[in-house]
Amino acid sequence: MTTSVHTVLDSPCGPLTLVAREERLAGLYMTEHRHQPAQETFGPRVAADDLPVLKDAARQLEAYFAGDLTDFDIDVAVTGTPFQQRVWAALRDIPYGETVSYGELARALGQPTASRAVGLANGRNPVSIIVPCHRVVGADGSLTGYGGGLERKRWLLGFESSSRQPTLI
């Protein structure tokens, strides 16, 4: 059996629980996160500095929330079906500050009729923010389900959109 450990970080969108397993990030969950595993599976709580992957994730999340990082480079270990793995990999290709619809993501995966399945896989993403499932919206641009709650999805999209605005020198 693989041992997990976790840490909790403060962030502008509330506490984030980071779970590490086998020296890789296995989860990033928000308060009242839908589809999160039982907290008993997170393992003991440690300081972020106690494990290199947690320290790196904390550093990159801090840079992201400061507006200084737009693309995460963290080794993740997520468990899911082959289809879920494909969806989660495709999510990492959505550029910072941009959105795609579930249908567009399904077409990018070569399965144009699978938008509902893409939505279900998206909702099961265990590494929110780092694997940016918040960047997927409804066909009409509306905000639809998000594991961390629609208010957080709205905040994350607004944050990314506002930090992309050019500044005048």
N, C-alpha and C. Protein backbone atom coordinates (compact mmCIF):
# COMPACT_ATOMS: atom_id res chain seq x y z
N MET A 1 0.84 -1.19 0.00
CA MET A 1 0.00 0.00 0.00
C MET A 1 0.88 1.24 0.00
N THR A 2 0.46 2.24 -0.73
CA THR A 2 1.20 3.48 -0.85
C THR A 2 0.80 4.44 0.26
N THR A 3 1.77 5.07 0.87
CA THR A 3 1.51 6.02 1.94
C THR A 3 1.34 7.41 1.37
N SER A 4 0.33 8.09 1.84
CA SER A 4 0.08 9.47 1.46
C SER A 4 0.36 10.38 2.64
N VAL A 5 0.68 11.62 2.33
CA VAL A 5 0.78 12.68 3.32
C VAL A 5 0.09 13.89 2.73
N HIS A 6 -0.26 14.84 3.58
CA HIS A 6 -0.90 16.04 3.06
C HIS A 6 -0.47 17.27 3.84
N THR A 7 -0.71 18.39 3.21
CA THR A 7 -0.50 19.68 3.86
C THR A 7 -1.65 20.58 3.45
N VAL A 8 -1.87 21.62 4.21
CA VAL A 8 -2.93 22.58 3.91
C VAL A 8 -2.30 23.95 3.75
N LEU A 9 -2.61 24.59 2.62
CA LEU A 9 -2.09 25.92 2.32
C LEU A 9 -3.22 26.93 2.31
N ASP A 10 -2.93 28.12 2.76
CA ASP A 10 -3.89 29.22 2.59
C ASP A 10 -3.74 29.75 1.18
N SER A 11 -4.85 30.19 0.60
CA SER A 11 -4.82 30.78 -0.74
C SER A 11 -5.92 31.83 -0.83
N PRO A 12 -5.88 32.66 -1.85
CA PRO A 12 -6.94 33.66 -2.02
C PRO A 12 -8.32 33.05 -2.24
N CYS A 13 -8.38 31.78 -2.64
CA CYS A 13 -9.69 31.15 -2.84
C CYS A 13 -9.97 30.12 -1.74
N GLY A 14 -9.33 30.30 -0.59
CA GLY A 14 -9.60 29.44 0.55
C GLY A 14 -8.50 28.40 0.74
N PRO A 15 -8.62 27.62 1.82
CA PRO A 15 -7.61 26.59 2.11
C PRO A 15 -7.53 25.55 0.98
N LEU A 16 -6.31 25.14 0.66
CA LEU A 16 -6.08 24.11 -0.34
C LEU A 16 -5.37 22.95 0.34
N THR A 17 -5.92 21.76 0.19
CA THR A 17 -5.29 20.56 0.73
C THR A 17 -4.52 19.88 -0.39
N LEU A 18 -3.21 19.76 -0.21
CA LEU A 18 -2.36 19.08 -1.18
C LEU A 18 -2.01 17.71 -0.63
N VAL A 19 -2.22 16.68 -1.46
CA VAL A 19 -1.93 15.31 -1.07
C VAL A 19 -0.78 14.80 -1.94
N ALA A 20 0.23 14.23 -1.29
CA ALA A 20 1.37 13.67 -2.01
C ALA A 20 1.41 12.16 -1.78
N ARG A 21 1.80 11.47 -2.83
CA ARG A 21 1.96 10.01 -2.78
C ARG A 21 3.14 9.66 -3.66
N GLU A 22 4.07 8.89 -3.12
CA GLU A 22 5.24 8.46 -3.88
C GLU A 22 6.00 9.65 -4.48
N GLU A 23 6.20 10.67 -3.69
CA GLU A 23 6.98 11.85 -4.10
C GLU A 23 6.34 12.62 -5.27
N ARG A 24 5.05 12.41 -5.50
CA ARG A 24 4.34 13.15 -6.55
C ARG A 24 3.04 13.69 -5.98
N LEU A 25 2.52 14.73 -6.60
CA LEU A 25 1.27 15.32 -6.15
C LEU A 25 0.11 14.47 -6.63
N ALA A 26 -0.71 14.02 -5.71
CA ALA A 26 -1.83 13.14 -6.05
C ALA A 26 -3.18 13.82 -5.89
N GLY A 27 -3.20 14.98 -5.25
CA GLY A 27 -4.47 15.67 -5.06
C GLY A 27 -4.29 17.11 -4.66
N LEU A 28 -5.23 17.93 -5.09
CA LEU A 28 -5.34 19.32 -4.64
C LEU A 28 -6.83 19.57 -4.49
N TYR A 29 -7.27 19.72 -3.25
CA TYR A 29 -8.70 19.83 -2.97
C TYR A 29 -8.99 21.12 -2.22
N MET A 30 -10.16 21.67 -2.52
CA MET A 30 -10.63 22.88 -1.86
C MET A 30 -11.63 22.49 -0.77
N THR A 31 -11.96 23.44 0.09
CA THR A 31 -12.95 23.19 1.12
C THR A 31 -14.26 22.76 0.46
N GLU A 32 -14.86 21.71 1.00
CA GLU A 32 -16.13 21.18 0.49
C GLU A 32 -16.03 20.78 -0.98
N HIS A 33 -14.89 20.26 -1.37
CA HIS A 33 -14.64 19.86 -2.76
C HIS A 33 -15.49 18.63 -3.09
N ARG A 34 -16.25 18.74 -4.16
CA ARG A 34 -17.04 17.60 -4.62
C ARG A 34 -16.10 16.51 -5.15
N HIS A 35 -16.42 15.28 -4.91
CA HIS A 35 -15.67 14.11 -5.39
C HIS A 35 -14.29 13.94 -4.73
N GLN A 36 -14.04 14.60 -3.62
CA GLN A 36 -12.75 14.37 -2.96
C GLN A 36 -12.85 13.06 -2.17
N PRO A 37 -11.74 12.33 -2.11
CA PRO A 37 -11.75 11.10 -1.33
C PRO A 37 -11.89 11.41 0.16
N ALA A 38 -12.15 10.38 0.93
CA ALA A 38 -12.25 10.54 2.38
C ALA A 38 -10.93 11.10 2.92
N GLN A 39 -11.03 12.02 3.85
CA GLN A 39 -9.83 12.66 4.40
C GLN A 39 -8.88 11.67 5.06
N GLU A 40 -9.40 10.53 5.50
CA GLU A 40 -8.53 9.52 6.11
C GLU A 40 -7.50 9.00 5.11
N THR A 41 -7.80 9.11 3.81
CA THR A 41 -6.88 8.62 2.79
C THR A 41 -5.75 9.61 2.51
N PHE A 42 -5.84 10.82 3.05
CA PHE A 42 -4.82 11.84 2.81
C PHE A 42 -3.52 11.56 3.56
N GLY A 43 -3.57 10.70 4.56
CA GLY A 43 -2.38 10.43 5.35
C GLY A 43 -2.14 11.53 6.36
N PRO A 44 -1.04 11.43 7.09
CA PRO A 44 -0.75 12.42 8.12
C PRO A 44 -0.47 13.80 7.52
N ARG A 45 -0.78 14.80 8.32
CA ARG A 45 -0.49 16.18 7.90
C ARG A 45 0.96 16.49 8.19
N VAL A 46 1.63 17.10 7.21
CA VAL A 46 3.03 17.49 7.35
C VAL A 46 3.16 18.94 6.90
N ALA A 47 4.28 19.53 7.19
CA ALA A 47 4.58 20.87 6.69
C ALA A 47 4.95 20.75 5.22
N ALA A 48 4.60 21.74 4.42
CA ALA A 48 4.92 21.71 2.99
C ALA A 48 6.42 21.53 2.77
N ASP A 49 7.23 22.10 3.66
CA ASP A 49 8.69 22.00 3.51
C ASP A 49 9.23 20.60 3.79
N ASP A 50 8.39 19.70 4.34
CA ASP A 50 8.85 18.36 4.70
C ASP A 50 9.04 17.43 3.50
N LEU A 51 8.46 17.78 2.36
CA LEU A 51 8.53 16.91 1.20
C LEU A 51 8.76 17.78 -0.04
N PRO A 52 9.76 17.46 -0.84
CA PRO A 52 10.07 18.33 -1.99
C PRO A 52 8.88 18.62 -2.91
N VAL A 53 8.05 17.62 -3.20
CA VAL A 53 6.94 17.89 -4.12
C VAL A 53 5.92 18.85 -3.50
N LEU A 54 5.70 18.75 -2.20
CA LEU A 54 4.78 19.68 -1.54
C LEU A 54 5.38 21.08 -1.47
N LYS A 55 6.66 21.15 -1.21
CA LYS A 55 7.35 22.44 -1.17
C LYS A 55 7.30 23.11 -2.55
N ASP A 56 7.54 22.33 -3.60
CA ASP A 56 7.50 22.86 -4.96
C ASP A 56 6.09 23.28 -5.34
N ALA A 57 5.10 22.46 -4.99
CA ALA A 57 3.71 22.81 -5.30
C ALA A 57 3.31 24.09 -4.57
N ALA A 58 3.70 24.21 -3.31
CA ALA A 58 3.38 25.42 -2.54
C ALA A 58 4.03 26.64 -3.17
N ARG A 59 5.29 26.50 -3.58
CA ARG A 59 6.01 27.62 -4.21
C ARG A 59 5.33 28.03 -5.52
N GLN A 60 4.96 27.04 -6.35
CA GLN A 60 4.33 27.35 -7.62
C GLN A 60 2.93 27.93 -7.43
N LEU A 61 2.18 27.43 -6.47
CA LEU A 61 0.85 27.99 -6.21
C LEU A 61 0.96 29.43 -5.71
N GLU A 62 1.94 29.70 -4.88
CA GLU A 62 2.16 31.07 -4.40
C GLU A 62 2.47 32.00 -5.58
N ALA A 63 3.31 31.53 -6.50
CA ALA A 63 3.65 32.33 -7.68
C ALA A 63 2.43 32.51 -8.58
N TYR A 64 1.62 31.46 -8.72
CA TYR A 64 0.39 31.55 -9.52
C TYR A 64 -0.53 32.63 -8.95
N PHE A 65 -0.78 32.57 -7.64
CA PHE A 65 -1.69 33.53 -7.01
C PHE A 65 -1.10 34.94 -6.96
N ALA A 66 0.19 35.06 -7.10
CA ALA A 66 0.83 36.38 -7.18
C ALA A 66 0.76 36.93 -8.61
N GLY A 67 0.30 36.10 -9.56
CA GLY A 67 0.22 36.52 -10.95
C GLY A 67 1.53 36.34 -11.70
N ASP A 68 2.47 35.61 -11.11
CA ASP A 68 3.80 35.44 -11.70
C ASP A 68 3.99 34.10 -12.42
N LEU A 69 3.02 33.20 -12.33
CA LEU A 69 3.15 31.87 -12.94
C LEU A 69 1.87 31.54 -13.69
N THR A 70 2.01 31.12 -14.92
CA THR A 70 0.83 30.79 -15.72
C THR A 70 0.78 29.32 -16.12
N ASP A 71 1.85 28.59 -15.86
CA ASP A 71 1.92 27.19 -16.28
C ASP A 71 2.66 26.40 -15.20
N PHE A 72 1.99 25.41 -14.63
CA PHE A 72 2.58 24.61 -13.56
C PHE A 72 3.50 23.53 -14.12
N ASP A 73 4.54 23.26 -13.38
CA ASP A 73 5.49 22.20 -13.71
C ASP A 73 5.67 21.34 -12.46
N ILE A 74 4.65 20.54 -12.17
CA ILE A 74 4.65 19.71 -10.97
C ILE A 74 4.38 18.28 -11.40
N ASP A 75 5.15 17.36 -10.86
CA ASP A 75 4.96 15.94 -11.17
C ASP A 75 3.72 15.45 -10.44
N VAL A 76 2.69 15.06 -11.21
CA VAL A 76 1.45 14.59 -10.60
C VAL A 76 1.30 13.08 -10.81
N ALA A 77 0.62 12.46 -9.87
CA ALA A 77 0.31 11.03 -9.94
C ALA A 77 -1.18 10.91 -9.68
N VAL A 78 -1.96 10.90 -10.75
CA VAL A 78 -3.41 10.84 -10.60
C VAL A 78 -3.92 9.48 -11.07
N THR A 79 -4.91 8.99 -10.37
CA THR A 79 -5.49 7.70 -10.68
C THR A 79 -6.83 7.91 -11.35
N GLY A 80 -7.01 7.28 -12.50
CA GLY A 80 -8.27 7.39 -13.22
C GLY A 80 -8.29 6.44 -14.40
N THR A 81 -9.41 6.39 -15.06
CA THR A 81 -9.54 5.54 -16.24
C THR A 81 -8.67 6.11 -17.36
N PRO A 82 -8.40 5.31 -18.39
CA PRO A 82 -7.63 5.85 -19.52
C PRO A 82 -8.29 7.09 -20.13
N PHE A 83 -9.62 7.11 -20.22
CA PHE A 83 -10.30 8.28 -20.78
C PHE A 83 -10.12 9.49 -19.86
N GLN A 84 -10.29 9.30 -18.56
CA GLN A 84 -10.07 10.41 -17.63
C GLN A 84 -8.65 10.94 -17.75
N GLN A 85 -7.67 10.05 -17.86
CA GLN A 85 -6.28 10.47 -18.00
C GLN A 85 -6.10 11.34 -19.25
N ARG A 86 -6.74 10.95 -20.36
CA ARG A 86 -6.65 11.74 -21.59
C ARG A 86 -7.26 13.12 -21.41
N VAL A 87 -8.42 13.17 -20.75
CA VAL A 87 -9.08 14.47 -20.50
C VAL A 87 -8.18 15.33 -19.62
N TRP A 88 -7.66 14.77 -18.54
CA TRP A 88 -6.82 15.55 -17.62
C TRP A 88 -5.56 16.05 -18.31
N ALA A 89 -5.00 15.24 -19.20
CA ALA A 89 -3.82 15.69 -19.96
C ALA A 89 -4.21 16.84 -20.89
N ALA A 90 -5.38 16.75 -21.52
CA ALA A 90 -5.83 17.81 -22.43
C ALA A 90 -6.10 19.11 -21.68
N LEU A 91 -6.55 19.01 -20.44
CA LEU A 91 -6.81 20.21 -19.64
C LEU A 91 -5.54 21.04 -19.48
N ARG A 92 -4.41 20.37 -19.36
CA ARG A 92 -3.15 21.08 -19.16
C ARG A 92 -2.73 21.87 -20.40
N ASP A 93 -3.38 21.58 -21.54
CA ASP A 93 -3.07 22.31 -22.78
C ASP A 93 -3.91 23.57 -22.96
N ILE A 94 -4.90 23.79 -22.08
CA ILE A 94 -5.73 25.00 -22.19
C ILE A 94 -4.90 26.17 -21.67
N PRO A 95 -4.67 27.17 -22.52
CA PRO A 95 -3.82 28.28 -22.09
C PRO A 95 -4.40 29.06 -20.90
N TYR A 96 -3.51 29.57 -20.11
CA TYR A 96 -3.85 30.42 -18.97
C TYR A 96 -4.75 31.56 -19.43
N GLY A 97 -5.82 31.78 -18.68
CA GLY A 97 -6.71 32.90 -18.98
C GLY A 97 -7.70 32.64 -20.10
N GLU A 98 -7.69 31.46 -20.67
CA GLU A 98 -8.62 31.13 -21.75
C GLU A 98 -9.55 30.02 -21.30
N THR A 99 -10.64 29.87 -22.02
CA THR A 99 -11.58 28.80 -21.72
C THR A 99 -11.91 28.03 -23.00
N VAL A 100 -12.34 26.81 -22.82
CA VAL A 100 -12.88 25.99 -23.91
C VAL A 100 -14.16 25.36 -23.40
N SER A 101 -15.01 24.96 -24.31
CA SER A 101 -16.24 24.28 -23.91
C SER A 101 -15.98 22.78 -23.81
N TYR A 102 -16.90 22.11 -23.16
CA TYR A 102 -16.80 20.65 -23.05
C TYR A 102 -16.79 20.02 -24.44
N GLY A 103 -17.61 20.56 -25.35
CA GLY A 103 -17.66 20.05 -26.72
C GLY A 103 -16.35 20.28 -27.46
N GLU A 104 -15.75 21.46 -27.27
CA GLU A 104 -14.45 21.73 -27.91
C GLU A 104 -13.39 20.77 -27.39
N LEU A 105 -13.42 20.50 -26.11
CA LEU A 105 -12.45 19.58 -25.53
C LEU A 105 -12.68 18.16 -26.07
N ALA A 106 -13.95 17.76 -26.20
CA ALA A 106 -14.25 16.44 -26.75
C ALA A 106 -13.74 16.33 -28.19
N ARG A 107 -13.94 17.38 -28.97
CA ARG A 107 -13.45 17.36 -30.36
C ARG A 107 -11.93 17.31 -30.40
N ALA A 108 -11.27 18.02 -29.50
CA ALA A 108 -9.80 18.00 -29.45
C ALA A 108 -9.29 16.60 -29.10
N LEU A 109 -10.09 15.83 -28.39
CA LEU A 109 -9.72 14.47 -28.04
C LEU A 109 -10.09 13.47 -29.14
N GLY A 110 -10.70 13.98 -30.22
CA GLY A 110 -11.10 13.11 -31.32
C GLY A 110 -12.38 12.36 -31.04
N GLN A 111 -13.17 12.82 -30.07
CA GLN A 111 -14.43 12.18 -29.72
C GLN A 111 -15.52 13.26 -29.63
N PRO A 112 -15.94 13.79 -30.77
CA PRO A 112 -16.83 14.95 -30.79
C PRO A 112 -18.18 14.74 -30.11
N THR A 113 -18.61 13.51 -29.93
CA THR A 113 -19.91 13.28 -29.27
C THR A 113 -19.76 12.98 -27.78
N ALA A 114 -18.58 13.14 -27.25
CA ALA A 114 -18.31 12.75 -25.86
C ALA A 114 -18.28 13.93 -24.89
N SER A 115 -18.98 15.01 -25.19
CA SER A 115 -18.89 16.18 -24.31
C SER A 115 -19.40 15.88 -22.90
N ARG A 116 -20.41 15.05 -22.77
CA ARG A 116 -20.92 14.69 -21.44
C ARG A 116 -19.86 13.88 -20.68
N ALA A 117 -19.23 12.92 -21.36
CA ALA A 117 -18.17 12.11 -20.73
C ALA A 117 -16.98 12.99 -20.34
N VAL A 118 -16.67 13.97 -21.20
CA VAL A 118 -15.60 14.92 -20.88
C VAL A 118 -15.96 15.69 -19.62
N GLY A 119 -17.22 16.12 -19.52
CA GLY A 119 -17.66 16.83 -18.32
C GLY A 119 -17.54 16.00 -17.07
N LEU A 120 -17.90 14.73 -17.16
CA LEU A 120 -17.79 13.85 -16.00
C LEU A 120 -16.33 13.64 -15.60
N ALA A 121 -15.46 13.44 -16.58
CA ALA A 121 -14.03 13.27 -16.29
C ALA A 121 -13.45 14.56 -15.71
N ASN A 122 -13.86 15.68 -16.28
CA ASN A 122 -13.40 16.98 -15.81
C ASN A 122 -13.76 17.16 -14.33
N GLY A 123 -14.98 16.78 -13.97
CA GLY A 123 -15.44 16.91 -12.59
C GLY A 123 -14.71 16.02 -11.61
N ARG A 124 -14.06 14.98 -12.10
CA ARG A 124 -13.32 14.05 -11.25
C ARG A 124 -11.83 14.37 -11.18
N ASN A 125 -11.42 15.47 -11.79
CA ASN A 125 -10.00 15.87 -11.76
C ASN A 125 -9.54 16.00 -10.31
N PRO A 126 -8.55 15.21 -9.90
CA PRO A 126 -8.11 15.26 -8.50
C PRO A 126 -7.07 16.34 -8.21
N VAL A 127 -6.63 17.09 -9.20
CA VAL A 127 -5.57 18.08 -8.97
C VAL A 127 -6.03 19.43 -9.54
N SER A 128 -7.07 19.97 -8.91
CA SER A 128 -7.62 21.25 -9.36
C SER A 128 -6.55 22.34 -9.39
N ILE A 129 -6.80 23.35 -10.15
CA ILE A 129 -5.94 24.51 -10.39
C ILE A 129 -4.70 24.11 -11.19
N ILE A 130 -3.93 23.16 -10.70
CA ILE A 130 -2.72 22.73 -11.40
C ILE A 130 -3.08 22.05 -12.72
N VAL A 131 -4.09 21.20 -12.68
CA VAL A 131 -4.70 20.67 -13.90
C VAL A 131 -5.98 21.48 -14.04
N PRO A 132 -5.97 22.51 -14.90
CA PRO A 132 -6.95 23.60 -14.85
C PRO A 132 -8.35 23.27 -15.38
N CYS A 133 -9.07 22.45 -14.63
CA CYS A 133 -10.43 22.10 -15.03
C CYS A 133 -11.37 23.29 -14.93
N HIS A 134 -10.98 24.34 -14.22
CA HIS A 134 -11.82 25.53 -14.13
C HIS A 134 -11.92 26.27 -15.46
N ARG A 135 -11.07 25.94 -16.41
CA ARG A 135 -11.06 26.63 -17.71
C ARG A 135 -12.04 26.02 -18.71
N VAL A 136 -12.86 25.06 -18.28
CA VAL A 136 -13.85 24.44 -19.16
C VAL A 136 -15.23 24.97 -18.79
N VAL A 137 -15.95 25.45 -19.81
CA VAL A 137 -17.25 26.09 -19.62
C VAL A 137 -18.29 25.44 -20.52
N GLY A 138 -19.54 25.84 -20.33
CA GLY A 138 -20.62 25.34 -21.16
C GLY A 138 -20.48 25.84 -22.59
N ALA A 139 -21.23 25.25 -23.51
CA ALA A 139 -21.17 25.60 -24.93
C ALA A 139 -21.48 27.07 -25.17
N ASP A 140 -22.32 27.66 -24.32
CA ASP A 140 -22.68 29.07 -24.48
C ASP A 140 -21.80 29.99 -23.65
N GLY A 141 -20.73 29.44 -23.08
CA GLY A 141 -19.81 30.23 -22.27
C GLY A 141 -20.21 30.31 -20.81
N SER A 142 -21.34 29.68 -20.45
CA SER A 142 -21.80 29.75 -19.07
C SER A 142 -20.92 28.90 -18.16
N LEU A 143 -20.88 29.29 -16.90
CA LEU A 143 -20.13 28.52 -15.92
C LEU A 143 -21.00 27.36 -15.47
N THR A 144 -20.46 26.17 -15.63
CA THR A 144 -21.17 24.97 -15.20
C THR A 144 -20.37 24.36 -14.07
N GLY A 145 -20.77 23.22 -13.60
CA GLY A 145 -20.19 22.59 -12.43
C GLY A 145 -18.69 22.72 -12.26
N TYR A 146 -18.29 22.77 -11.01
CA TYR A 146 -16.87 22.80 -10.66
C TYR A 146 -16.73 22.16 -9.29
N GLY A 147 -15.78 21.24 -9.17
CA GLY A 147 -15.59 20.50 -7.93
C GLY A 147 -15.40 21.39 -6.72
N GLY A 148 -14.76 22.53 -6.91
CA GLY A 148 -14.52 23.46 -5.80
C GLY A 148 -15.64 24.46 -5.61
N GLY A 149 -16.70 24.37 -6.42
CA GLY A 149 -17.83 25.29 -6.34
C GLY A 149 -17.75 26.37 -7.40
N LEU A 150 -18.92 26.77 -7.89
CA LEU A 150 -18.96 27.76 -8.97
C LEU A 150 -18.37 29.11 -8.56
N GLU A 151 -18.48 29.48 -7.29
CA GLU A 151 -17.90 30.76 -6.85
C GLU A 151 -16.38 30.75 -7.02
N ARG A 152 -15.76 29.62 -6.71
CA ARG A 152 -14.30 29.53 -6.87
C ARG A 152 -13.93 29.49 -8.35
N LYS A 153 -14.73 28.80 -9.16
CA LYS A 153 -14.47 28.76 -10.60
C LYS A 153 -14.54 30.18 -11.17
N ARG A 154 -15.58 30.91 -10.79
CA ARG A 154 -15.74 32.30 -11.24
C ARG A 154 -14.53 33.13 -10.80
N TRP A 155 -14.10 32.94 -9.54
CA TRP A 155 -12.97 33.70 -9.03
C TRP A 155 -11.70 33.37 -9.81
N LEU A 156 -11.43 32.08 -10.03
CA LEU A 156 -10.21 31.67 -10.74
C LEU A 156 -10.20 32.21 -12.16
N LEU A 157 -11.32 32.12 -12.87
CA LEU A 157 -11.37 32.64 -14.24
C LEU A 157 -11.21 34.16 -14.25
N GLY A 158 -11.84 34.83 -13.30
CA GLY A 158 -11.70 36.29 -13.21
C GLY A 158 -10.27 36.69 -12.88
N PHE A 159 -9.66 35.95 -11.97
CA PHE A 159 -8.27 36.21 -11.59
C PHE A 159 -7.35 36.06 -12.80
N GLU A 160 -7.49 34.94 -13.53
CA GLU A 160 -6.63 34.72 -14.69
C GLU A 160 -6.89 35.76 -15.77
N SER A 161 -8.14 36.13 -15.97
CA SER A 161 -8.47 37.12 -16.99
C SER A 161 -7.89 38.49 -16.63
N SER A 162 -8.01 38.88 -15.37
CA SER A 162 -7.53 40.21 -14.97
C SER A 162 -6.00 40.26 -14.94
N SER A 163 -5.35 39.15 -14.64
CA SER A 163 -3.89 39.18 -14.58
C SER A 163 -3.27 39.14 -15.97
N ARG A 164 -4.07 38.90 -17.00
CA ARG A 164 -3.56 38.89 -18.37
C ARG A 164 -3.67 40.27 -19.02
N GLN A 165 -4.32 41.17 -18.34
CA GLN A 165 -4.49 42.51 -18.92
C GLN A 165 -3.14 43.21 -19.01
N PRO A 166 -2.85 43.81 -20.14
CA PRO A 166 -1.58 44.54 -20.27
C PRO A 166 -1.58 45.77 -19.37
N THR A 167 -0.42 46.10 -18.88
CA THR A 167 -0.31 47.30 -18.07
C THR A 167 0.42 48.36 -18.88
N LEU A 168 0.03 49.59 -18.69
CA LEU A 168 0.68 50.70 -19.38
C LEU A 168 1.93 51.10 -18.62
N ILE A 169 2.97 51.38 -19.35
CA ILE A 169 4.21 51.76 -18.70
C ILE A 169 4.38 53.27 -18.78
